[in-house]
Amino acid sequence: MAKKKIINRQLVEHLALLSRLELKPNQLALFEQQLEEILEYVAAINEVKTGAPTATQTITGLTDVLRTDMSSESDCLPLAEVLKNALSKQDSYFKVKALFE
């Protein structure tokens, strides 16, 4: 059974017009051949049976090695010690110059 030709010269001329390409007759023949080969290749790829692929999040098998972010009162400095070296403070906050006016 002969392969059905999908691309013809008229289609290439139409594609060239839509793409605003000025093709010479020898270029039209070349494009016709190349587009036909591309579509044959795509058809061959479409024939491959892939089944239902499984979702993959990672291919390395590595897992997250970071610990969860937890803090406790024993890990924190007392507020007085934190603000001890502040140039300027207001209540229990650092006081800084305004960034935006």
N, C-alpha and C. Protein backbone atom coordinates (compact mmCIF):
# COMPACT_ATOMS: atom_id res chain seq x y z
N MET A 1 0.84 -1.19 0.00
CA MET A 1 0.00 0.00 0.00
C MET A 1 0.88 1.24 0.00
N ALA A 2 0.64 2.12 -0.93
CA ALA A 2 1.44 3.33 -1.06
C ALA A 2 1.05 4.34 0.02
N LYS A 3 2.04 5.09 0.45
CA LYS A 3 1.79 6.12 1.46
C LYS A 3 1.01 7.26 0.83
N LYS A 4 0.06 7.78 1.59
CA LYS A 4 -0.71 8.92 1.11
C LYS A 4 0.15 10.17 1.30
N LYS A 5 0.33 10.91 0.24
CA LYS A 5 1.14 12.12 0.29
C LYS A 5 0.30 13.24 0.91
N ILE A 6 0.79 13.81 1.98
CA ILE A 6 0.05 14.83 2.71
C ILE A 6 0.36 16.22 2.17
N ILE A 7 1.60 16.45 1.83
CA ILE A 7 2.06 17.77 1.38
C ILE A 7 2.13 17.80 -0.14
N ASN A 8 1.60 18.86 -0.73
CA ASN A 8 1.74 19.05 -2.17
C ASN A 8 2.24 20.48 -2.42
N ARG A 9 2.54 20.76 -3.65
CA ARG A 9 3.12 22.06 -4.00
C ARG A 9 2.18 23.21 -3.65
N GLN A 10 0.88 23.02 -3.89
CA GLN A 10 -0.08 24.09 -3.59
C GLN A 10 -0.10 24.41 -2.09
N LEU A 11 -0.01 23.38 -1.26
CA LEU A 11 0.00 23.60 0.19
C LEU A 11 1.27 24.35 0.61
N VAL A 12 2.39 23.99 0.01
CA VAL A 12 3.65 24.68 0.32
C VAL A 12 3.56 26.14 -0.11
N GLU A 13 2.98 26.39 -1.28
CA GLU A 13 2.82 27.77 -1.74
C GLU A 13 1.91 28.55 -0.79
N HIS A 14 0.85 27.89 -0.31
CA HIS A 14 -0.06 28.55 0.62
C HIS A 14 0.64 28.84 1.95
N LEU A 15 1.41 27.88 2.46
CA LEU A 15 2.16 28.09 3.70
C LEU A 15 3.18 29.21 3.54
N ALA A 16 3.83 29.26 2.38
CA ALA A 16 4.80 30.33 2.12
C ALA A 16 4.10 31.69 2.10
N LEU A 17 2.92 31.74 1.52
CA LEU A 17 2.15 32.98 1.48
C LEU A 17 1.78 33.41 2.90
N LEU A 18 1.28 32.47 3.70
CA LEU A 18 0.90 32.80 5.09
C LEU A 18 2.11 33.23 5.92
N SER A 19 3.26 32.63 5.61
CA SER A 19 4.50 32.95 6.35
C SER A 19 5.23 34.14 5.76
N ARG A 20 4.69 34.66 4.66
CA ARG A 20 5.30 35.78 3.95
C ARG A 20 6.73 35.48 3.51
N LEU A 21 6.89 34.26 2.98
CA LEU A 21 8.17 33.84 2.43
C LEU A 21 8.09 33.88 0.91
N GLU A 22 9.09 34.43 0.31
CA GLU A 22 9.16 34.43 -1.15
C GLU A 22 10.08 33.29 -1.57
N LEU A 23 9.47 32.19 -1.98
CA LEU A 23 10.23 31.00 -2.33
C LEU A 23 10.34 30.85 -3.84
N LYS A 24 11.51 30.44 -4.30
CA LYS A 24 11.74 30.15 -5.71
C LYS A 24 11.23 28.73 -5.99
N PRO A 25 11.01 28.39 -7.25
CA PRO A 25 10.48 27.05 -7.58
C PRO A 25 11.32 25.90 -7.00
N ASN A 26 12.65 26.03 -7.04
CA ASN A 26 13.48 24.96 -6.49
C ASN A 26 13.34 24.88 -4.97
N GLN A 27 13.11 26.02 -4.32
CA GLN A 27 12.90 26.04 -2.87
C GLN A 27 11.56 25.42 -2.52
N LEU A 28 10.54 25.65 -3.37
CA LEU A 28 9.23 25.05 -3.13
C LEU A 28 9.33 23.52 -3.13
N ALA A 29 10.08 22.99 -4.08
CA ALA A 29 10.25 21.53 -4.16
C ALA A 29 10.99 21.02 -2.93
N LEU A 30 12.01 21.74 -2.50
CA LEU A 30 12.77 21.34 -1.32
C LEU A 30 11.90 21.37 -0.07
N PHE A 31 11.13 22.45 0.10
CA PHE A 31 10.26 22.57 1.25
C PHE A 31 9.20 21.47 1.24
N GLU A 32 8.68 21.16 0.07
CA GLU A 32 7.67 20.11 -0.05
C GLU A 32 8.25 18.78 0.44
N GLN A 33 9.45 18.47 0.01
CA GLN A 33 10.11 17.23 0.43
C GLN A 33 10.37 17.24 1.94
N GLN A 34 10.90 18.34 2.45
CA GLN A 34 11.24 18.41 3.87
C GLN A 34 10.01 18.33 4.76
N LEU A 35 8.94 19.04 4.39
CA LEU A 35 7.71 19.00 5.19
C LEU A 35 7.10 17.60 5.17
N GLU A 36 7.17 16.94 4.05
CA GLU A 36 6.65 15.57 3.94
C GLU A 36 7.44 14.64 4.87
N GLU A 37 8.76 14.77 4.89
CA GLU A 37 9.60 13.95 5.77
C GLU A 37 9.29 14.23 7.24
N ILE A 38 9.08 15.48 7.58
CA ILE A 38 8.76 15.84 8.97
C ILE A 38 7.44 15.21 9.38
N LEU A 39 6.43 15.29 8.52
CA LEU A 39 5.12 14.72 8.86
C LEU A 39 5.17 13.20 8.93
N GLU A 40 5.99 12.57 8.09
CA GLU A 40 6.18 11.12 8.18
C GLU A 40 6.81 10.74 9.51
N TYR A 41 7.78 11.53 9.94
CA TYR A 41 8.45 11.28 11.22
C TYR A 41 7.46 11.43 12.38
N VAL A 42 6.64 12.47 12.34
CA VAL A 42 5.63 12.68 13.38
C VAL A 42 4.63 11.53 13.39
N ALA A 43 4.23 11.06 12.21
CA ALA A 43 3.31 9.93 12.13
C ALA A 43 3.93 8.68 12.74
N ALA A 44 5.22 8.48 12.50
CA ALA A 44 5.91 7.32 13.09
C ALA A 44 5.95 7.43 14.61
N ILE A 45 6.17 8.62 15.13
CA ILE A 45 6.19 8.82 16.58
C ILE A 45 4.79 8.57 17.16
N ASN A 46 3.76 9.00 16.45
CA ASN A 46 2.39 8.79 16.92
C ASN A 46 2.00 7.32 16.98
N GLU A 47 2.67 6.48 16.22
CA GLU A 47 2.37 5.05 16.23
C GLU A 47 2.97 4.32 17.43
N VAL A 48 3.90 4.93 18.12
CA VAL A 48 4.54 4.31 19.27
C VAL A 48 3.52 4.19 20.40
N LYS A 49 3.40 2.99 20.95
CA LYS A 49 2.46 2.78 22.04
C LYS A 49 3.17 3.11 23.35
N THR A 50 2.72 4.17 23.98
CA THR A 50 3.35 4.59 25.23
C THR A 50 2.56 4.15 26.45
N GLY A 51 1.31 3.78 26.28
CA GLY A 51 0.50 3.39 27.43
C GLY A 51 0.22 4.62 28.29
N ALA A 52 -0.15 4.36 29.51
CA ALA A 52 -0.41 5.46 30.43
C ALA A 52 0.84 5.65 31.30
N PRO A 53 1.63 6.67 31.03
CA PRO A 53 2.84 6.87 31.81
C PRO A 53 2.49 7.28 33.25
N THR A 54 3.31 6.86 34.17
CA THR A 54 3.09 7.23 35.57
C THR A 54 3.69 8.61 35.83
N ALA A 55 3.07 9.33 36.71
CA ALA A 55 3.57 10.67 37.05
C ALA A 55 4.88 10.54 37.81
N THR A 56 5.82 11.38 37.47
CA THR A 56 7.13 11.36 38.12
C THR A 56 7.42 12.75 38.69
N GLN A 57 7.72 12.78 39.98
CA GLN A 57 8.09 14.05 40.58
C GLN A 57 9.60 14.24 40.56
N THR A 58 10.31 13.16 40.76
CA THR A 58 11.77 13.23 40.74
C THR A 58 12.31 11.94 40.17
N ILE A 59 13.40 12.03 39.47
CA ILE A 59 13.98 10.82 38.89
C ILE A 59 15.20 10.34 39.68
N THR A 60 15.62 11.14 40.66
CA THR A 60 16.84 10.78 41.39
C THR A 60 16.57 9.87 42.57
N GLY A 61 15.33 9.88 43.08
CA GLY A 61 15.02 9.07 44.25
C GLY A 61 15.41 9.74 45.56
N LEU A 62 15.99 10.94 45.46
CA LEU A 62 16.38 11.65 46.68
C LEU A 62 15.15 12.20 47.38
N THR A 63 15.25 12.30 48.69
CA THR A 63 14.14 12.87 49.45
C THR A 63 14.62 14.15 50.12
N ASP A 64 13.68 14.89 50.65
CA ASP A 64 13.99 16.14 51.34
C ASP A 64 14.78 15.83 52.60
N VAL A 65 15.96 16.41 52.73
CA VAL A 65 16.81 16.12 53.87
C VAL A 65 16.82 17.26 54.88
N LEU A 66 15.97 18.26 54.69
CA LEU A 66 15.92 19.38 55.61
C LEU A 66 15.03 19.05 56.78
N ARG A 67 15.38 19.55 57.94
CA ARG A 67 14.55 19.31 59.11
C ARG A 67 13.39 20.29 59.11
N THR A 68 12.37 19.98 59.87
CA THR A 68 11.25 20.90 59.97
C THR A 68 11.68 22.12 60.78
N ASP A 69 11.12 23.24 60.48
CA ASP A 69 11.47 24.50 61.13
C ASP A 69 10.70 24.61 62.44
N MET A 70 11.40 24.41 63.54
CA MET A 70 10.78 24.49 64.86
C MET A 70 11.64 25.38 65.74
N SER A 71 11.00 26.10 66.61
CA SER A 71 11.75 26.90 67.58
C SER A 71 11.11 26.72 68.95
N SER A 72 11.90 26.99 69.96
CA SER A 72 11.38 26.91 71.32
C SER A 72 11.91 28.11 72.09
N GLU A 73 11.33 28.37 73.20
CA GLU A 73 11.76 29.51 74.02
C GLU A 73 13.23 29.40 74.40
N SER A 74 13.74 28.19 74.59
CA SER A 74 15.14 28.02 74.99
C SER A 74 16.10 28.39 73.87
N ASP A 75 15.64 28.37 72.62
CA ASP A 75 16.49 28.71 71.48
C ASP A 75 16.60 30.21 71.26
N CYS A 76 15.70 30.99 71.86
CA CYS A 76 15.63 32.42 71.60
C CYS A 76 16.38 33.23 72.65
N LEU A 77 16.96 34.34 72.19
CA LEU A 77 17.61 35.26 73.11
C LEU A 77 16.54 36.10 73.82
N PRO A 78 16.84 36.52 75.04
CA PRO A 78 15.90 37.41 75.71
C PRO A 78 15.82 38.74 74.96
N LEU A 79 14.66 39.38 74.98
CA LEU A 79 14.43 40.62 74.24
C LEU A 79 15.41 41.70 74.64
N ALA A 80 15.70 41.81 75.90
CA ALA A 80 16.64 42.83 76.37
C ALA A 80 18.01 42.64 75.74
N GLU A 81 18.44 41.41 75.61
CA GLU A 81 19.75 41.13 75.01
C GLU A 81 19.73 41.43 73.51
N VAL A 82 18.62 41.15 72.85
CA VAL A 82 18.51 41.41 71.42
C VAL A 82 18.61 42.90 71.15
N LEU A 83 17.94 43.71 71.95
CA LEU A 83 17.90 45.16 71.72
C LEU A 83 19.07 45.90 72.37
N LYS A 84 19.93 45.20 73.07
CA LYS A 84 21.02 45.81 73.83
C LYS A 84 21.91 46.69 72.95
N ASN A 85 22.26 46.25 71.76
CA ASN A 85 23.19 46.99 70.89
C ASN A 85 22.48 47.81 69.81
N ALA A 86 21.17 47.94 69.90
CA ALA A 86 20.43 48.71 68.90
C ALA A 86 20.77 50.19 69.02
N LEU A 87 20.97 50.85 67.88
CA LEU A 87 21.24 52.28 67.90
C LEU A 87 20.03 53.05 68.39
N SER A 88 18.87 52.58 67.98
CA SER A 88 17.64 53.25 68.38
C SER A 88 16.56 52.19 68.50
N LYS A 89 15.73 52.30 69.55
CA LYS A 89 14.65 51.34 69.73
C LYS A 89 13.41 52.05 70.23
N GLN A 90 12.27 51.46 69.96
CA GLN A 90 11.00 51.99 70.42
C GLN A 90 10.18 50.80 70.89
N ASP A 91 9.75 50.82 72.14
CA ASP A 91 9.07 49.70 72.78
C ASP A 91 9.96 48.46 72.63
N SER A 92 9.47 47.42 71.97
CA SER A 92 10.29 46.21 71.83
C SER A 92 10.70 45.98 70.37
N TYR A 93 10.93 47.12 69.64
CA TYR A 93 11.29 47.03 68.23
C TYR A 93 12.54 47.85 67.94
N PHE A 94 13.27 47.45 66.89
CA PHE A 94 14.35 48.28 66.38
C PHE A 94 13.72 49.47 65.69
N LYS A 95 14.29 50.65 65.87
CA LYS A 95 13.79 51.84 65.19
C LYS A 95 14.80 52.21 64.13
N VAL A 96 14.33 52.32 62.90
CA VAL A 96 15.21 52.63 61.76
C VAL A 96 14.62 53.80 60.98
N LYS A 97 15.44 54.41 60.16
CA LYS A 97 14.95 55.50 59.31
C LYS A 97 13.98 54.93 58.29
N ALA A 98 13.02 55.75 57.90
CA ALA A 98 12.04 55.32 56.92
C ALA A 98 12.71 55.05 55.57
N LEU A 99 12.30 53.96 54.92
CA LEU A 99 12.85 53.63 53.61
C LEU A 99 12.12 54.37 52.50
N PHE A 100 10.82 54.59 52.71
CA PHE A 100 9.99 55.27 51.70
C PHE A 100 9.38 56.49 52.35
N GLU A 101 9.19 57.50 51.56
CA GLU A 101 8.54 58.72 52.07
C GLU A 101 7.16 58.83 51.51
